[in-house]
Amino acid sequence: MIWESKHAWRSQHAWRSEDGWIDFVKGCRKPSDLFWASFILLGSLGVLLISASSFYGRNFLSFISSEFEPELVPFLPQGVTMTIYGTAGLFLSFSWWLLIFWNVGSGYDFFDKKNGMVCFFRYGFPGKNRRIFLRVRMDDIQSLIIHSKIETKKDSRSKKDSKYRSGVLYMQTREQGAIPLTPIDDYYRTPAKVIQKAWDLSIFLRVPMEIF
């Protein structure tokens, strides 16, 4: 967190003053997205190189391993199967990199006390809805709602399912209904951080907070 003055501060994820609050949303350019897009791309290229080596009988992986023998992987059926999986992986990686390039889902939530408005902005897919903009009057905000739930995650070490609690923050309005405020990234995934944000925002907006 970086403090700017006595009445305003900013951090990596937000900027706040007495009359305004901005939450920045990363979208599809999070480190996890970059990692998995790169991982799938490199994995798909490796699988396609193995299938090409099997088809042509040449070692196209010599820059990685000179001991690889293409004869050990017959093109039928293993080579054909690997070609299908490698091609599917390339399409998946290409789609993922497009999302990263367009930065789909990024934007901001702006709570403007001076004008009594809450503005939501997101980047969508190229075209008519590339820029998605939603306005809500602060007078229409009824409450902030936290939906807490228990999720199951498999532990890679013990190979057992471990349960942990996560929370999602919503803003309940009269006209627009429930609007999610919790970003997709991991910064607000723990209940403590969700509750802290909901508490600070409820004080800023002067609306009640509910937990379910």
N, C-alpha and C. Protein backbone atom coordinates (compact mmCIF):
# COMPACT_ATOMS: atom_id res chain seq x y z
N MET A 1 0.84 -1.19 0.00
CA MET A 1 0.00 0.00 0.00
C MET A 1 0.88 1.25 0.00
N ILE A 2 0.52 2.25 -0.77
CA ILE A 2 1.27 3.49 -0.85
C ILE A 2 0.36 4.63 -0.44
N TRP A 3 0.73 5.32 0.62
CA TRP A 3 -0.10 6.43 1.10
C TRP A 3 0.26 7.69 0.33
N GLU A 4 -0.76 8.40 -0.13
CA GLU A 4 -0.54 9.62 -0.92
C GLU A 4 -0.71 10.87 -0.07
N SER A 5 -1.67 10.89 0.80
CA SER A 5 -1.92 12.06 1.63
C SER A 5 -2.73 11.63 2.84
N LYS A 6 -3.18 12.62 3.58
CA LYS A 6 -3.93 12.32 4.79
C LYS A 6 -5.33 11.82 4.47
N HIS A 7 -5.84 12.17 3.29
CA HIS A 7 -7.22 11.83 2.97
C HIS A 7 -7.33 10.93 1.74
N ALA A 8 -6.23 10.44 1.21
CA ALA A 8 -6.29 9.58 0.03
C ALA A 8 -5.13 8.59 0.07
N TRP A 9 -5.37 7.38 -0.44
CA TRP A 9 -4.31 6.40 -0.56
C TRP A 9 -4.57 5.55 -1.78
N ARG A 10 -3.53 4.89 -2.23
CA ARG A 10 -3.65 3.98 -3.36
C ARG A 10 -2.80 2.75 -3.10
N SER A 11 -3.17 1.65 -3.72
CA SER A 11 -2.41 0.41 -3.65
C SER A 11 -2.41 -0.20 -5.03
N GLN A 12 -1.93 -1.43 -5.10
CA GLN A 12 -1.89 -2.11 -6.39
C GLN A 12 -3.27 -2.40 -6.93
N HIS A 13 -4.26 -2.52 -6.06
CA HIS A 13 -5.59 -2.94 -6.47
C HIS A 13 -6.65 -1.86 -6.33
N ALA A 14 -6.33 -0.74 -5.69
CA ALA A 14 -7.38 0.25 -5.44
C ALA A 14 -6.78 1.63 -5.21
N TRP A 15 -7.67 2.61 -5.35
CA TRP A 15 -7.35 4.01 -5.01
C TRP A 15 -8.55 4.56 -4.28
N ARG A 16 -8.29 5.30 -3.19
CA ARG A 16 -9.40 5.76 -2.38
C ARG A 16 -9.12 7.16 -1.83
N SER A 17 -10.18 7.97 -1.79
CA SER A 17 -10.15 9.28 -1.14
C SER A 17 -11.45 9.45 -0.38
N GLU A 18 -11.70 10.64 0.13
CA GLU A 18 -12.93 10.87 0.88
C GLU A 18 -14.16 10.80 -0.01
N ASP A 19 -14.02 11.18 -1.27
CA ASP A 19 -15.19 11.25 -2.15
C ASP A 19 -15.17 10.20 -3.26
N GLY A 20 -14.13 9.40 -3.37
CA GLY A 20 -14.06 8.43 -4.45
C GLY A 20 -13.32 7.16 -4.04
N TRP A 21 -13.71 6.08 -4.70
CA TRP A 21 -13.09 4.78 -4.46
C TRP A 21 -13.03 4.07 -5.80
N ILE A 22 -11.85 3.64 -6.21
CA ILE A 22 -11.68 2.92 -7.46
C ILE A 22 -11.02 1.58 -7.19
N ASP A 23 -11.66 0.49 -7.60
CA ASP A 23 -11.07 -0.84 -7.57
C ASP A 23 -10.65 -1.22 -8.98
N PHE A 24 -9.39 -1.58 -9.15
CA PHE A 24 -8.88 -1.97 -10.46
C PHE A 24 -9.00 -3.49 -10.63
N VAL A 25 -9.46 -3.91 -11.79
CA VAL A 25 -9.66 -5.33 -12.09
C VAL A 25 -8.66 -5.73 -13.17
N LYS A 26 -7.87 -6.75 -12.93
CA LYS A 26 -6.81 -7.15 -13.85
C LYS A 26 -7.33 -7.82 -15.12
N GLY A 27 -8.36 -8.61 -15.02
CA GLY A 27 -8.84 -9.33 -16.20
C GLY A 27 -8.01 -10.55 -16.49
N CYS A 28 -7.67 -10.77 -17.76
CA CYS A 28 -7.00 -11.99 -18.19
C CYS A 28 -5.48 -11.85 -18.28
N ARG A 29 -4.91 -10.85 -17.67
CA ARG A 29 -3.45 -10.70 -17.70
C ARG A 29 -2.82 -10.98 -16.34
N LYS A 30 -3.42 -11.90 -15.61
CA LYS A 30 -2.85 -12.31 -14.33
C LYS A 30 -1.69 -13.27 -14.58
N PRO A 31 -0.76 -13.36 -13.63
CA PRO A 31 0.37 -14.28 -13.79
C PRO A 31 -0.05 -15.73 -14.04
N SER A 32 -1.15 -16.15 -13.42
CA SER A 32 -1.62 -17.52 -13.62
C SER A 32 -2.06 -17.75 -15.06
N ASP A 33 -2.71 -16.75 -15.69
CA ASP A 33 -3.12 -16.87 -17.08
C ASP A 33 -1.91 -16.95 -18.01
N LEU A 34 -0.91 -16.13 -17.76
CA LEU A 34 0.31 -16.15 -18.57
C LEU A 34 1.03 -17.48 -18.42
N PHE A 35 1.06 -18.02 -17.21
CA PHE A 35 1.74 -19.30 -16.98
C PHE A 35 1.05 -20.43 -17.73
N TRP A 36 -0.27 -20.55 -17.57
CA TRP A 36 -0.97 -21.67 -18.19
C TRP A 36 -1.03 -21.56 -19.70
N ALA A 37 -1.16 -20.35 -20.23
CA ALA A 37 -1.14 -20.17 -21.68
C ALA A 37 0.21 -20.58 -22.25
N SER A 38 1.30 -20.21 -21.58
CA SER A 38 2.64 -20.60 -22.03
C SER A 38 2.86 -22.09 -21.86
N PHE A 39 2.39 -22.65 -20.75
CA PHE A 39 2.56 -24.08 -20.49
C PHE A 39 1.86 -24.92 -21.55
N ILE A 40 0.61 -24.57 -21.87
CA ILE A 40 -0.15 -25.33 -22.87
C ILE A 40 0.48 -25.17 -24.25
N LEU A 41 0.97 -23.96 -24.58
CA LEU A 41 1.60 -23.73 -25.87
C LEU A 41 2.86 -24.58 -26.02
N LEU A 42 3.74 -24.55 -25.04
CA LEU A 42 4.99 -25.32 -25.12
C LEU A 42 4.71 -26.82 -25.11
N GLY A 43 3.74 -27.24 -24.28
CA GLY A 43 3.39 -28.65 -24.25
C GLY A 43 2.82 -29.14 -25.57
N SER A 44 1.97 -28.33 -26.19
CA SER A 44 1.38 -28.71 -27.48
C SER A 44 2.44 -28.79 -28.58
N LEU A 45 3.36 -27.83 -28.58
CA LEU A 45 4.44 -27.87 -29.57
C LEU A 45 5.32 -29.10 -29.38
N GLY A 46 5.57 -29.46 -28.12
CA GLY A 46 6.38 -30.65 -27.86
C GLY A 46 5.69 -31.92 -28.34
N VAL A 47 4.38 -32.02 -28.10
CA VAL A 47 3.63 -33.19 -28.55
C VAL A 47 3.62 -33.28 -30.08
N LEU A 48 3.44 -32.14 -30.77
CA LEU A 48 3.43 -32.13 -32.23
C LEU A 48 4.81 -32.48 -32.79
N LEU A 49 5.87 -32.06 -32.13
CA LEU A 49 7.22 -32.42 -32.59
C LEU A 49 7.47 -33.91 -32.45
N ILE A 50 6.94 -34.52 -31.40
CA ILE A 50 7.08 -35.96 -31.25
C ILE A 50 6.31 -36.70 -32.34
N SER A 51 5.08 -36.25 -32.63
CA SER A 51 4.29 -36.91 -33.68
C SER A 51 4.93 -36.70 -35.05
N ALA A 52 5.53 -35.51 -35.30
CA ALA A 52 6.22 -35.28 -36.57
C ALA A 52 7.46 -36.16 -36.69
N SER A 53 8.18 -36.33 -35.57
CA SER A 53 9.34 -37.22 -35.58
C SER A 53 8.93 -38.65 -35.87
N SER A 54 7.78 -39.07 -35.32
CA SER A 54 7.27 -40.41 -35.58
C SER A 54 6.88 -40.60 -37.04
N PHE A 55 6.29 -39.56 -37.65
CA PHE A 55 5.83 -39.67 -39.04
C PHE A 55 6.99 -39.67 -40.03
N TYR A 56 7.97 -38.80 -39.83
CA TYR A 56 9.08 -38.67 -40.78
C TYR A 56 10.27 -39.55 -40.42
N GLY A 57 10.24 -40.16 -39.23
CA GLY A 57 11.35 -41.00 -38.84
C GLY A 57 12.62 -40.23 -38.52
N ARG A 58 12.48 -38.97 -38.15
CA ARG A 58 13.63 -38.12 -37.80
C ARG A 58 13.41 -37.51 -36.42
N ASN A 59 14.51 -37.26 -35.75
CA ASN A 59 14.44 -36.69 -34.41
C ASN A 59 14.39 -35.17 -34.49
N PHE A 60 13.16 -34.60 -34.39
CA PHE A 60 13.01 -33.15 -34.39
C PHE A 60 13.18 -32.55 -32.99
N LEU A 61 13.48 -33.42 -32.03
CA LEU A 61 13.71 -32.95 -30.66
C LEU A 61 15.18 -33.03 -30.29
N SER A 62 16.04 -32.98 -31.29
CA SER A 62 17.48 -33.10 -31.03
C SER A 62 18.02 -31.93 -30.19
N PHE A 63 17.34 -30.78 -30.26
CA PHE A 63 17.80 -29.63 -29.47
C PHE A 63 17.47 -29.81 -27.99
N ILE A 64 16.60 -30.81 -27.67
CA ILE A 64 16.27 -31.13 -26.28
C ILE A 64 16.97 -32.42 -25.84
N SER A 65 16.84 -33.44 -26.65
CA SER A 65 17.44 -34.74 -26.33
C SER A 65 17.89 -35.43 -27.61
N SER A 66 19.16 -35.77 -27.67
CA SER A 66 19.69 -36.47 -28.85
C SER A 66 19.47 -37.97 -28.77
N GLU A 67 18.97 -38.46 -27.62
CA GLU A 67 18.77 -39.88 -27.44
C GLU A 67 17.37 -40.34 -27.81
N PHE A 68 16.50 -39.42 -28.18
CA PHE A 68 15.13 -39.79 -28.55
C PHE A 68 15.12 -40.56 -29.86
N GLU A 69 14.44 -41.70 -29.88
CA GLU A 69 14.35 -42.54 -31.08
C GLU A 69 12.92 -42.53 -31.59
N PRO A 70 12.67 -41.93 -32.77
CA PRO A 70 11.31 -41.85 -33.30
C PRO A 70 10.67 -43.21 -33.52
N GLU A 71 11.48 -44.26 -33.73
CA GLU A 71 10.92 -45.59 -33.99
C GLU A 71 10.17 -46.15 -32.79
N LEU A 72 10.46 -45.61 -31.60
CA LEU A 72 9.78 -46.09 -30.40
C LEU A 72 8.34 -45.61 -30.32
N VAL A 73 7.99 -44.62 -31.13
CA VAL A 73 6.62 -44.09 -31.15
C VAL A 73 6.04 -44.30 -32.54
N PRO A 74 5.34 -45.40 -32.77
CA PRO A 74 4.74 -45.63 -34.09
C PRO A 74 3.69 -44.58 -34.40
N PHE A 75 3.64 -44.17 -35.67
CA PHE A 75 2.70 -43.10 -36.03
C PHE A 75 1.26 -43.57 -35.90
N LEU A 76 1.01 -44.83 -36.13
CA LEU A 76 -0.33 -45.41 -35.95
C LEU A 76 -0.28 -46.40 -34.80
N PRO A 77 -1.04 -46.18 -33.75
CA PRO A 77 -1.99 -45.07 -33.57
C PRO A 77 -1.45 -43.93 -32.71
N GLN A 78 -0.29 -44.14 -32.06
CA GLN A 78 0.18 -43.15 -31.08
C GLN A 78 0.44 -41.79 -31.72
N GLY A 79 1.10 -41.78 -32.88
CA GLY A 79 1.42 -40.51 -33.53
C GLY A 79 0.19 -39.72 -33.92
N VAL A 80 -0.83 -40.43 -34.44
CA VAL A 80 -2.08 -39.76 -34.83
C VAL A 80 -2.77 -39.17 -33.61
N THR A 81 -2.81 -39.94 -32.53
CA THR A 81 -3.43 -39.45 -31.30
C THR A 81 -2.73 -38.21 -30.77
N MET A 82 -1.39 -38.24 -30.80
CA MET A 82 -0.63 -37.09 -30.31
C MET A 82 -0.82 -35.88 -31.21
N THR A 83 -1.00 -36.11 -32.51
CA THR A 83 -1.27 -35.00 -33.42
C THR A 83 -2.60 -34.31 -33.08
N ILE A 84 -3.61 -35.13 -32.78
CA ILE A 84 -4.92 -34.58 -32.43
C ILE A 84 -4.84 -33.77 -31.14
N TYR A 85 -4.19 -34.35 -30.11
CA TYR A 85 -4.07 -33.64 -28.83
C TYR A 85 -3.21 -32.39 -28.97
N GLY A 86 -2.13 -32.48 -29.74
CA GLY A 86 -1.27 -31.31 -29.92
C GLY A 86 -1.97 -30.18 -30.64
N THR A 87 -2.76 -30.53 -31.68
CA THR A 87 -3.50 -29.51 -32.42
C THR A 87 -4.57 -28.86 -31.54
N ALA A 88 -5.27 -29.69 -30.75
CA ALA A 88 -6.28 -29.15 -29.83
C ALA A 88 -5.63 -28.22 -28.81
N GLY A 89 -4.45 -28.60 -28.32
CA GLY A 89 -3.74 -27.76 -27.37
C GLY A 89 -3.33 -26.43 -27.97
N LEU A 90 -2.91 -26.44 -29.24
CA LEU A 90 -2.54 -25.19 -29.90
C LEU A 90 -3.73 -24.26 -30.03
N PHE A 91 -4.89 -24.80 -30.40
CA PHE A 91 -6.09 -23.97 -30.50
C PHE A 91 -6.47 -23.39 -29.14
N LEU A 92 -6.37 -24.22 -28.08
CA LEU A 92 -6.69 -23.74 -26.74
C LEU A 92 -5.72 -22.64 -26.32
N SER A 93 -4.43 -22.86 -26.58
CA SER A 93 -3.43 -21.86 -26.22
C SER A 93 -3.63 -20.57 -27.02
N PHE A 94 -3.94 -20.71 -28.31
CA PHE A 94 -4.17 -19.52 -29.14
C PHE A 94 -5.36 -18.72 -28.62
N SER A 95 -6.43 -19.41 -28.22
CA SER A 95 -7.60 -18.72 -27.67
C SER A 95 -7.25 -18.01 -26.37
N TRP A 96 -6.45 -18.68 -25.56
CA TRP A 96 -6.05 -18.10 -24.27
C TRP A 96 -5.20 -16.84 -24.49
N TRP A 97 -4.25 -16.92 -25.45
CA TRP A 97 -3.40 -15.76 -25.72
C TRP A 97 -4.20 -14.59 -26.29
N LEU A 98 -5.27 -14.90 -27.04
CA LEU A 98 -6.14 -13.83 -27.52
C LEU A 98 -6.83 -13.12 -26.35
N LEU A 99 -7.30 -13.90 -25.37
CA LEU A 99 -7.92 -13.31 -24.19
C LEU A 99 -6.92 -12.41 -23.45
N ILE A 100 -5.67 -12.88 -23.38
CA ILE A 100 -4.64 -12.08 -22.72
C ILE A 100 -4.35 -10.81 -23.51
N PHE A 101 -4.26 -10.95 -24.84
CA PHE A 101 -3.97 -9.79 -25.68
C PHE A 101 -5.08 -8.75 -25.60
N TRP A 102 -6.34 -9.22 -25.64
CA TRP A 102 -7.47 -8.29 -25.53
C TRP A 102 -7.71 -7.86 -24.09
N ASN A 103 -7.13 -8.57 -23.13
CA ASN A 103 -7.29 -8.27 -21.71
C ASN A 103 -8.77 -8.28 -21.32
N VAL A 104 -9.46 -9.33 -21.72
CA VAL A 104 -10.90 -9.45 -21.46
C VAL A 104 -11.15 -9.52 -19.95
N GLY A 105 -12.13 -8.78 -19.50
CA GLY A 105 -12.51 -8.77 -18.09
C GLY A 105 -11.84 -7.70 -17.27
N SER A 106 -10.85 -7.00 -17.84
CA SER A 106 -10.19 -5.95 -17.07
C SER A 106 -11.05 -4.69 -17.05
N GLY A 107 -10.78 -3.83 -16.09
CA GLY A 107 -11.54 -2.59 -15.98
C GLY A 107 -11.44 -2.02 -14.58
N TYR A 108 -12.53 -1.41 -14.13
CA TYR A 108 -12.51 -0.79 -12.80
C TYR A 108 -13.94 -0.65 -12.28
N ASP A 109 -14.04 -0.52 -10.96
CA ASP A 109 -15.29 -0.17 -10.28
C ASP A 109 -15.05 1.18 -9.61
N PHE A 110 -15.84 2.18 -9.99
CA PHE A 110 -15.65 3.55 -9.48
C PHE A 110 -16.85 3.96 -8.66
N PHE A 111 -16.62 4.21 -7.37
CA PHE A 111 -17.67 4.68 -6.46
C PHE A 111 -17.45 6.18 -6.26
N ASP A 112 -18.37 6.96 -6.83
CA ASP A 112 -18.22 8.42 -6.86
C ASP A 112 -19.24 9.05 -5.92
N LYS A 113 -18.76 9.52 -4.77
CA LYS A 113 -19.67 10.12 -3.80
C LYS A 113 -20.16 11.50 -4.24
N LYS A 114 -19.32 12.24 -4.94
CA LYS A 114 -19.70 13.60 -5.35
C LYS A 114 -20.94 13.59 -6.22
N ASN A 115 -20.96 12.70 -7.20
CA ASN A 115 -22.09 12.63 -8.13
C ASN A 115 -23.10 11.57 -7.74
N GLY A 116 -22.83 10.82 -6.68
CA GLY A 116 -23.78 9.81 -6.22
C GLY A 116 -23.95 8.67 -7.19
N MET A 117 -22.87 8.26 -7.88
CA MET A 117 -22.94 7.22 -8.89
C MET A 117 -21.88 6.15 -8.64
N VAL A 118 -22.20 4.93 -9.05
CA VAL A 118 -21.24 3.82 -9.09
C VAL A 118 -21.11 3.38 -10.54
N CYS A 119 -19.88 3.39 -11.05
CA CYS A 119 -19.63 3.08 -12.46
C CYS A 119 -18.80 1.80 -12.56
N PHE A 120 -19.28 0.87 -13.37
CA PHE A 120 -18.55 -0.38 -13.63
C PHE A 120 -18.12 -0.39 -15.09
N PHE A 121 -16.84 -0.60 -15.31
CA PHE A 121 -16.30 -0.64 -16.67
C PHE A 121 -15.50 -1.92 -16.85
N ARG A 122 -15.77 -2.62 -17.98
CA ARG A 122 -15.04 -3.83 -18.31
C ARG A 122 -14.74 -3.87 -19.82
N TYR A 123 -13.59 -4.44 -20.15
CA TYR A 123 -13.27 -4.74 -21.54
C TYR A 123 -13.80 -6.12 -21.89
N GLY A 124 -14.55 -6.18 -23.00
CA GLY A 124 -15.06 -7.46 -23.48
C GLY A 124 -14.33 -7.90 -24.73
N PHE A 125 -14.98 -8.72 -25.53
CA PHE A 125 -14.39 -9.17 -26.78
C PHE A 125 -14.50 -8.07 -27.84
N PRO A 126 -13.60 -8.06 -28.81
CA PRO A 126 -13.67 -7.04 -29.87
C PRO A 126 -15.01 -7.06 -30.59
N GLY A 127 -15.49 -5.89 -30.91
CA GLY A 127 -16.78 -5.78 -31.57
C GLY A 127 -17.65 -4.73 -30.92
N LYS A 128 -18.95 -4.95 -31.01
CA LYS A 128 -19.91 -3.97 -30.51
C LYS A 128 -19.82 -3.81 -29.01
N ASN A 129 -19.57 -4.90 -28.29
CA ASN A 129 -19.53 -4.86 -26.83
C ASN A 129 -18.11 -4.90 -26.30
N ARG A 130 -17.18 -4.27 -27.02
CA ARG A 130 -15.79 -4.25 -26.56
C ARG A 130 -15.68 -3.51 -25.23
N ARG A 131 -16.39 -2.42 -25.07
CA ARG A 131 -16.39 -1.65 -23.82
C ARG A 131 -17.76 -1.75 -23.16
N ILE A 132 -17.77 -2.36 -22.00
CA ILE A 132 -19.02 -2.58 -21.25
C ILE A 132 -19.06 -1.59 -20.09
N PHE A 133 -20.10 -0.78 -20.05
CA PHE A 133 -20.20 0.29 -19.05
C PHE A 133 -21.57 0.20 -18.37
N LEU A 134 -21.56 0.20 -17.06
CA LEU A 134 -22.80 0.12 -16.27
C LEU A 134 -22.76 1.17 -15.17
N ARG A 135 -23.88 1.90 -15.02
CA ARG A 135 -24.00 2.91 -13.98
C ARG A 135 -25.12 2.56 -13.03
N VAL A 136 -24.88 2.80 -11.76
CA VAL A 136 -25.87 2.56 -10.72
C VAL A 136 -25.87 3.76 -9.78
N ARG A 137 -27.04 4.27 -9.48
CA ARG A 137 -27.15 5.38 -8.53
C ARG A 137 -26.93 4.85 -7.13
N MET A 138 -26.19 5.60 -6.32
CA MET A 138 -25.95 5.17 -4.95
C MET A 138 -27.23 5.07 -4.13
N ASP A 139 -28.24 5.85 -4.51
CA ASP A 139 -29.51 5.77 -3.80
C ASP A 139 -30.20 4.42 -4.02
N ASP A 140 -29.82 3.73 -5.11
CA ASP A 140 -30.43 2.43 -5.41
C ASP A 140 -29.75 1.27 -4.70
N ILE A 141 -28.62 1.52 -4.05
CA ILE A 141 -27.90 0.44 -3.37
C ILE A 141 -28.61 0.13 -2.06
N GLN A 142 -28.99 -1.13 -1.89
CA GLN A 142 -29.69 -1.54 -0.67
C GLN A 142 -28.75 -2.10 0.39
N SER A 143 -27.78 -2.92 -0.03
CA SER A 143 -26.87 -3.52 0.93
C SER A 143 -25.70 -4.18 0.19
N LEU A 144 -24.70 -4.58 0.97
CA LEU A 144 -23.60 -5.39 0.47
C LEU A 144 -23.77 -6.79 1.05
N ILE A 145 -23.70 -7.79 0.20
CA ILE A 145 -23.97 -9.17 0.61
C ILE A 145 -22.73 -10.03 0.38
N ILE A 146 -22.34 -10.78 1.39
CA ILE A 146 -21.24 -11.74 1.27
C ILE A 146 -21.83 -13.14 1.27
N HIS A 147 -21.62 -13.87 0.18
CA HIS A 147 -22.01 -15.27 0.10
C HIS A 147 -20.79 -16.12 0.43
N SER A 148 -20.81 -16.72 1.59
CA SER A 148 -19.69 -17.56 2.04
C SER A 148 -20.03 -19.02 1.76
N LYS A 149 -19.06 -19.75 1.20
CA LYS A 149 -19.29 -21.16 0.90
C LYS A 149 -18.01 -21.95 1.15
N ILE A 150 -18.20 -23.25 1.35
CA ILE A 150 -17.08 -24.16 1.58
C ILE A 150 -16.76 -24.89 0.28
N GLU A 151 -15.53 -24.77 -0.17
CA GLU A 151 -15.09 -25.43 -1.39
C GLU A 151 -14.10 -26.53 -1.07
N THR A 152 -14.01 -27.52 -1.96
CA THR A 152 -13.13 -28.67 -1.78
C THR A 152 -11.98 -28.59 -2.75
N LYS A 153 -10.77 -28.77 -2.25
CA LYS A 153 -9.56 -28.72 -3.07
C LYS A 153 -8.67 -29.90 -2.71
N LYS A 154 -8.15 -30.59 -3.72
CA LYS A 154 -7.30 -31.75 -3.49
C LYS A 154 -5.89 -31.31 -3.16
N ASP A 155 -5.37 -31.83 -2.07
CA ASP A 155 -4.01 -31.54 -1.63
C ASP A 155 -3.03 -32.40 -2.43
N SER A 156 -2.07 -31.76 -3.11
CA SER A 156 -1.12 -32.48 -3.95
C SER A 156 -0.17 -33.35 -3.14
N ARG A 157 0.05 -33.01 -1.88
CA ARG A 157 0.98 -33.78 -1.05
C ARG A 157 0.31 -34.99 -0.42
N SER A 158 -0.79 -34.75 0.27
CA SER A 158 -1.46 -35.85 0.95
C SER A 158 -2.43 -36.61 0.07
N LYS A 159 -2.73 -36.08 -1.14
CA LYS A 159 -3.67 -36.71 -2.07
C LYS A 159 -5.07 -36.80 -1.47
N LYS A 160 -5.37 -35.96 -0.50
CA LYS A 160 -6.68 -35.96 0.11
C LYS A 160 -7.39 -34.64 -0.18
N ASP A 161 -8.72 -34.70 -0.11
CA ASP A 161 -9.52 -33.50 -0.33
C ASP A 161 -9.53 -32.65 0.94
N SER A 162 -9.14 -31.40 0.78
CA SER A 162 -9.17 -30.46 1.91
C SER A 162 -10.23 -29.40 1.64
N LYS A 163 -10.95 -29.02 2.69
CA LYS A 163 -12.02 -28.05 2.57
C LYS A 163 -11.55 -26.68 3.06
N TYR A 164 -11.92 -25.65 2.33
CA TYR A 164 -11.59 -24.29 2.74
C TYR A 164 -12.78 -23.39 2.40
N ARG A 165 -12.89 -22.29 3.13
CA ARG A 165 -14.02 -21.38 2.97
C ARG A 165 -13.62 -20.20 2.09
N SER A 166 -14.47 -19.86 1.14
CA SER A 166 -14.24 -18.71 0.27
C SER A 166 -15.48 -17.82 0.28
N GLY A 167 -15.30 -16.57 -0.12
CA GLY A 167 -16.41 -15.64 -0.09
C GLY A 167 -16.53 -14.84 -1.37
N VAL A 168 -17.74 -14.48 -1.73
CA VAL A 168 -18.02 -13.64 -2.90
C VAL A 168 -18.84 -12.46 -2.44
N LEU A 169 -18.43 -11.26 -2.83
CA LEU A 169 -19.09 -10.03 -2.41
C LEU A 169 -20.00 -9.51 -3.52
N TYR A 170 -21.25 -9.20 -3.16
CA TYR A 170 -22.23 -8.67 -4.09
C TYR A 170 -22.75 -7.33 -3.57
N MET A 171 -23.18 -6.49 -4.51
CA MET A 171 -23.86 -5.25 -4.17
C MET A 171 -25.31 -5.39 -4.61
N GLN A 172 -26.22 -5.37 -3.65
CA GLN A 172 -27.64 -5.53 -3.94
C GLN A 172 -28.25 -4.18 -4.26
N THR A 173 -28.88 -4.08 -5.45
CA THR A 173 -29.51 -2.83 -5.88
C THR A 173 -30.98 -3.07 -6.19
N ARG A 174 -31.74 -1.99 -6.24
CA ARG A 174 -33.17 -2.12 -6.50
C ARG A 174 -33.45 -2.46 -7.97
N GLU A 175 -32.76 -1.81 -8.91
CA GLU A 175 -33.07 -1.98 -10.32
C GLU A 175 -32.23 -3.06 -10.99
N GLN A 176 -30.92 -3.12 -10.67
CA GLN A 176 -30.02 -4.05 -11.35
C GLN A 176 -29.89 -5.40 -10.65
N GLY A 177 -30.43 -5.52 -9.45
CA GLY A 177 -30.30 -6.78 -8.72
C GLY A 177 -28.94 -6.88 -8.06
N ALA A 178 -28.43 -8.09 -7.94
CA ALA A 178 -27.14 -8.33 -7.29
C ALA A 178 -26.01 -8.21 -8.31
N ILE A 179 -25.03 -7.36 -8.00
CA ILE A 179 -23.88 -7.14 -8.87
C ILE A 179 -22.63 -7.63 -8.15
N PRO A 180 -21.88 -8.59 -8.73
CA PRO A 180 -20.67 -9.08 -8.04
C PRO A 180 -19.58 -8.02 -7.99
N LEU A 181 -18.94 -7.90 -6.84
CA LEU A 181 -17.86 -6.94 -6.65
C LEU A 181 -16.51 -7.61 -6.43
N THR A 182 -16.49 -8.89 -6.21
CA THR A 182 -15.24 -9.60 -5.94
C THR A 182 -14.51 -9.89 -7.24
N PRO A 183 -13.27 -9.43 -7.39
CA PRO A 183 -12.50 -9.75 -8.60
C PRO A 183 -12.20 -11.23 -8.71
N ILE A 184 -11.84 -11.66 -9.92
CA ILE A 184 -11.55 -13.07 -10.16
C ILE A 184 -10.21 -13.47 -9.58
N ASP A 185 -9.27 -12.52 -9.50
CA ASP A 185 -7.92 -12.87 -9.05
C ASP A 185 -7.92 -13.30 -7.59
N ASP A 186 -6.83 -13.86 -7.15
CA ASP A 186 -6.74 -14.48 -5.83
C ASP A 186 -6.63 -13.48 -4.69
N TYR A 187 -6.48 -12.19 -4.99
CA TYR A 187 -6.24 -11.20 -3.92
C TYR A 187 -7.41 -11.14 -2.95
N TYR A 188 -8.63 -11.27 -3.46
CA TYR A 188 -9.80 -11.16 -2.59
C TYR A 188 -10.48 -12.52 -2.34
N ARG A 189 -9.77 -13.63 -2.62
CA ARG A 189 -10.44 -14.91 -2.51
C ARG A 189 -10.62 -15.37 -1.07
N THR A 190 -9.78 -14.97 -0.13
CA THR A 190 -9.91 -15.42 1.24
C THR A 190 -11.05 -14.67 1.92
N PRO A 191 -11.79 -15.34 2.81
CA PRO A 191 -12.92 -14.67 3.47
C PRO A 191 -12.52 -13.42 4.23
N ALA A 192 -11.34 -13.44 4.86
CA ALA A 192 -10.93 -12.28 5.66
C ALA A 192 -10.81 -11.03 4.79
N LYS A 193 -10.23 -11.17 3.59
CA LYS A 193 -10.06 -10.03 2.71
C LYS A 193 -11.39 -9.58 2.12
N VAL A 194 -12.27 -10.54 1.84
CA VAL A 194 -13.60 -10.19 1.33
C VAL A 194 -14.39 -9.43 2.39
N ILE A 195 -14.34 -9.92 3.64
CA ILE A 195 -15.06 -9.25 4.74
C ILE A 195 -14.48 -7.86 5.00
N GLN A 196 -13.15 -7.74 4.94
CA GLN A 196 -12.52 -6.44 5.16
C GLN A 196 -12.93 -5.45 4.09
N LYS A 197 -12.94 -5.89 2.83
CA LYS A 197 -13.36 -4.99 1.75
C LYS A 197 -14.83 -4.61 1.91
N ALA A 198 -15.68 -5.60 2.24
CA ALA A 198 -17.10 -5.33 2.42
C ALA A 198 -17.33 -4.34 3.57
N TRP A 199 -16.58 -4.51 4.65
CA TRP A 199 -16.72 -3.62 5.81
C TRP A 199 -16.31 -2.19 5.45
N ASP A 200 -15.15 -2.04 4.80
CA ASP A 200 -14.70 -0.70 4.41
C ASP A 200 -15.65 -0.05 3.41
N LEU A 201 -16.15 -0.86 2.47
CA LEU A 201 -17.04 -0.30 1.45
C LEU A 201 -18.40 0.05 2.02
N SER A 202 -18.87 -0.74 2.98
CA SER A 202 -20.17 -0.42 3.59
C SER A 202 -20.09 0.88 4.38
N ILE A 203 -18.94 1.13 5.03
CA ILE A 203 -18.75 2.41 5.73
C ILE A 203 -18.67 3.55 4.73
N PHE A 204 -17.96 3.32 3.62
CA PHE A 204 -17.81 4.36 2.61
C PHE A 204 -19.16 4.70 1.96
N LEU A 205 -19.96 3.66 1.65
CA LEU A 205 -21.26 3.88 1.00
C LEU A 205 -22.39 4.12 1.98
N ARG A 206 -22.14 3.83 3.26
CA ARG A 206 -23.15 3.98 4.31
C ARG A 206 -24.38 3.09 4.03
N VAL A 207 -24.08 1.82 3.76
CA VAL A 207 -25.14 0.84 3.52
C VAL A 207 -24.84 -0.36 4.42
N PRO A 208 -25.87 -1.15 4.77
CA PRO A 208 -25.65 -2.33 5.65
C PRO A 208 -24.91 -3.45 4.91
N MET A 209 -24.28 -4.31 5.70
CA MET A 209 -23.56 -5.48 5.18
C MET A 209 -24.21 -6.73 5.72
N GLU A 210 -24.42 -7.71 4.84
CA GLU A 210 -25.05 -8.96 5.23
C GLU A 210 -24.14 -10.13 4.84
N ILE A 211 -24.13 -11.18 5.65
CA ILE A 211 -23.32 -12.36 5.39
C ILE A 211 -24.23 -13.58 5.38
N PHE A 212 -24.13 -14.36 4.31
CA PHE A 212 -24.93 -15.59 4.19
C PHE A 212 -23.98 -16.79 4.05
